[in-house]
C-alpha atoms as a PDB file:
ATOM      1  CA  MET A   1     -16.415  16.006  16.990  1.00  0.00           C
ATOM      2  CA  LYS A   2     -16.397  14.043  13.924  1.00  0.00           C
ATOM      3  CA  TYR A   3     -14.946  10.991  12.493  1.00  0.00           C
ATOM      4  CA  ILE A   4     -13.364   9.302   8.742  1.00  0.00           C
ATOM      5  CA  ILE A   5     -12.991   5.460   8.652  1.00  0.00           C
ATOM      6  CA  VAL A   6      -9.217   4.864   5.945  1.00  0.00           C
ATOM      7  CA  THR A   7      -7.497   1.735   5.180  1.00  0.00           C
ATOM      8  CA  PHE A   8      -4.101   1.419   6.219  1.00  0.00           C
ATOM      9  CA  VAL A   9      -1.951  -1.226   5.024  1.00  0.00           C
ATOM     10  CA  VAL A  10       1.384  -2.379   5.895  1.00  0.00           C
ATOM     11  CA  GLN A  11       4.361  -4.488   3.504  1.00  0.00           C
ATOM     12  CA  PRO A  12       7.573  -5.342   3.886  1.00  0.00           C
ATOM     13  CA  GLU A  13       9.670  -3.302   1.862  1.00  0.00           C
ATOM     14  CA  GLY A  14      13.541  -4.882   2.788  1.00  0.00           C
ATOM     15  CA  GLU A  15      14.808  -3.982   5.843  1.00  0.00           C
ATOM     16  CA  TYR A  16      11.636  -1.633   6.562  1.00  0.00           C
ATOM     17  CA  TYR A  17       7.738  -2.040   6.826  1.00  0.00           C
ATOM     18  CA  VAL A  18       6.365   0.212   4.737  1.00  0.00           C
ATOM     19  CA  SER A  19       2.460   1.631   5.900  1.00  0.00           C
ATOM     20  CA  LYS A  20       0.319   3.857   3.537  1.00  0.00           C
ATOM     21  CA  CYS A  21      -3.271   5.303   3.732  1.00  0.00           C
ATOM     22  CA  LEU A  22      -4.525   3.817   0.438  1.00  0.00           C
ATOM     23  CA  GLU A  23      -7.733   7.110   0.648  1.00  0.00           C
ATOM     24  CA  LEU A  24      -5.475   9.796   1.762  1.00  0.00           C
ATOM     25  CA  GLY A  25      -2.386   9.077   0.082  1.00  0.00           C
ATOM     26  CA  THR A  26      -0.195   9.549   3.414  1.00  0.00           C
ATOM     27  CA  ALA A  27       2.941   7.204   4.277  1.00  0.00           C
ATOM     28  CA  SER A  28       5.848   6.171   6.345  1.00  0.00           C
ATOM     29  CA  PHE A  29       7.216   3.307   7.340  1.00  0.00           C
ATOM     30  CA  GLY A  30       9.027   1.613  10.974  1.00  0.00           C
ATOM     31  CA  HIS A  31      11.504  -1.149  11.731  1.00  0.00           C
ATOM     32  CA  ASP A  32       8.425  -3.580  12.683  1.00  0.00           C
ATOM     33  CA  GLN A  33       4.439  -3.663  11.633  1.00  0.00           C
ATOM     34  CA  THR A  34       3.759  -1.427  14.909  1.00  0.00           C
ATOM     35  CA  GLU A  35       5.896   1.570  14.252  1.00  0.00           C
ATOM     36  CA  ALA A  36       4.998   1.404  10.312  1.00  0.00           C
ATOM     37  CA  LEU A  37       1.454   2.220  11.626  1.00  0.00           C
ATOM     38  CA  GLU A  38       1.943   4.010  14.454  1.00  0.00           C
ATOM     39  CA  LYS A  39       4.282   6.288  12.405  1.00  0.00           C
ATOM     40  CA  LEU A  40       1.250   6.652   9.230  1.00  0.00           C
ATOM     41  CA  ALA A  41      -1.637   7.585  12.177  1.00  0.00           C
ATOM     42  CA  ASP A  42       0.511  10.243  12.569  1.00  0.00           C
ATOM     43  CA  ALA A  43       1.368  11.876   9.346  1.00  0.00           C
ATOM     44  CA  THR A  44      -2.074  11.197   8.443  1.00  0.00           C
ATOM     45  CA  GLU A  45      -3.388  13.692  11.880  1.00  0.00           C
ATOM     46  CA  VAL A  46      -0.750  15.775  10.564  1.00  0.00           C
ATOM     47  CA  TYR A  47      -2.371  15.865   7.215  1.00  0.00           C
ATOM     48  CA  LEU A  48      -6.041  15.986   8.303  1.00  0.00           C
ATOM     49  CA  ASN A  49      -5.226  18.843  10.992  1.00  0.00           C
ATOM     50  CA  THR A  50      -3.082  20.825   8.053  1.00  0.00           C
ATOM     51  CA  LEU A  51      -5.977  20.586   5.618  1.00  0.00           C
ATOM     52  CA  GLY A  52      -8.209  22.204   8.616  1.00  0.00           C
ATOM     53  CA  ASP A  53      -6.001  24.629   8.921  1.00  0.00           C
ATOM     54  CA  LEU A  54      -5.501  25.891   5.556  1.00  0.00           C
ATOM     55  CA  GLY A  55     -10.263  25.181   5.527  1.00  0.00           C
ATOM     56  CA  GLU A  56      -9.393  22.601   2.577  1.00  0.00           C
ATOM     57  CA  CYS A  57     -10.202  19.461   4.666  1.00  0.00           C
ATOM     58  CA  ASP A  58     -14.401  19.336   4.122  1.00  0.00           C
ATOM     59  CA  ARG A  59     -13.313  19.602   0.171  1.00  0.00           C
ATOM     60  CA  VAL A  60     -10.733  16.744  -0.233  1.00  0.00           C
ATOM     61  CA  LEU A  61     -11.796  14.754   2.012  1.00  0.00           C
ATOM     62  CA  ARG A  62     -15.418  14.655  -0.365  1.00  0.00           C
ATOM     63  CA  GLU A  63     -13.432  15.167  -3.590  1.00  0.00           C
ATOM     64  CA  LYS A  64     -11.633  11.239  -2.354  1.00  0.00           C
ATOM     65  CA  GLU A  65     -14.897  10.646  -1.108  1.00  0.00           C
ATOM     66  CA  VAL A  66     -13.773   9.719   2.310  1.00  0.00           C
ATOM     67  CA  ARG A  67     -17.243   9.686   4.483  1.00  0.00           C
ATOM     68  CA  ILE A  68     -17.358  11.692   7.276  1.00  0.00           C
ATOM     69  CA  TYR A  69     -19.504   9.895  10.081  1.00  0.00           C
ATOM     70  CA  SER A  70     -20.888  12.823  12.956  1.00  0.00           C
ATOM     71  CA  TYR A  71     -20.267   9.790  15.553  1.00  0.00           C
ATOM     72  CA  GLU A  72     -17.302   8.089  16.246  1.00  0.00           C
ATOM     73  CA  PRO A  73     -17.697   4.553  14.563  1.00  0.00           C
ATOM     74  CA  ALA A  74     -17.246   1.016  15.976  1.00  0.00           C
ATOM     75  CA  ASN A  75     -14.084  -0.336  15.792  1.00  0.00           C
ATOM     76  CA  VAL A  76     -13.472  -2.551  12.688  1.00  0.00           C
ATOM     77  CA  GLU A  77     -11.278  -5.471  11.968  1.00  0.00           C
ATOM     78  CA  VAL A  78      -7.515  -5.988  10.683  1.00  0.00           C
ATOM     79  CA  ARG A  79      -7.258  -8.396   8.218  1.00  0.00           C
ATOM     80  CA  ARG A  80      -3.749 -10.123   6.554  1.00  0.00           C
ATOM     81  CA  ILE A  81      -4.275 -10.951   3.052  1.00  0.00           C
ATOM     82  CA  LYS A  82      -1.172 -12.663   1.166  1.00  0.00           C
ATOM     83  CA  PHE A  83      -0.460 -10.881  -2.618  1.00  0.00           C
ATOM     84  CA  PRO A  84       0.480 -13.385  -4.958  1.00  0.00           C
ATOM     85  CA  ALA A  85       4.193 -12.747  -4.373  1.00  0.00           C
ATOM     86  CA  GLY A  86       3.620 -14.510  -1.379  1.00  0.00           C
ATOM     87  CA  ILE A  87       4.194 -10.557   0.425  1.00  0.00           C
ATOM     88  CA  THR A  88       1.679 -10.784   3.999  1.00  0.00           C
ATOM     89  CA  SER A  89      -0.638  -7.546   4.369  1.00  0.00           C
ATOM     90  CA  ILE A  90      -1.739  -6.248   7.393  1.00  0.00           C
ATOM     91  CA  VAL A  91      -5.047  -3.929   6.618  1.00  0.00           C
ATOM     92  CA  ARG A  92      -6.367  -1.950   9.221  1.00  0.00           C
ATOM     93  CA  PRO A  93      -9.393   0.071   9.020  1.00  0.00           C
ATOM     94  CA  THR A  94      -8.712   2.955  11.252  1.00  0.00           C
ATOM     95  CA  VAL A  95     -10.977   5.399  12.366  1.00  0.00           C
ATOM     96  CA  MET A  96      -9.350   8.493  12.495  1.00  0.00           C
ATOM     97  CA  PRO A  97     -10.993  11.930  14.756  1.00  0.00           C
ATOM     98  CA  LEU A  98     -10.843  15.179  12.874  1.00  0.00           C
ATOM     99  CA  ASP A  99     -11.173  18.241  15.220  1.00  0.00           C
ATOM    100  CA  ALA A 100     -14.650  19.750  14.977  1.00  0.00           C
ATOM    101  CA  ALA A 101     -13.999  23.689  14.568  1.00  0.00           C
ATOM    102  CA  ARG A 102     -11.349  22.797  11.543  1.00  0.00           C
ATOM    103  CA  THR A 103     -13.776  20.878   9.399  1.00  0.00           C
END
């Protein structure tokens, strides 16, 4: 199995929380931070699987400078960042598994 580490960011926007993967550009939203992160993980997984089905996963990850690990990296810490406007965002480095047959 192969893995990547990507950065998920969640910010409040109106009555929702918007989430985005900084490296891959996938995005989603939810009614709370947890839902927004879960939906983003699902969207990112679908994106990676689609790239794998097309035989483009390695190329796209190289172009986006996302490192592929041959082992599962350790969990990394979740941080809260306060932006100048007073908005607090959650920044979560996330380990995503890649289907070895697709990369």
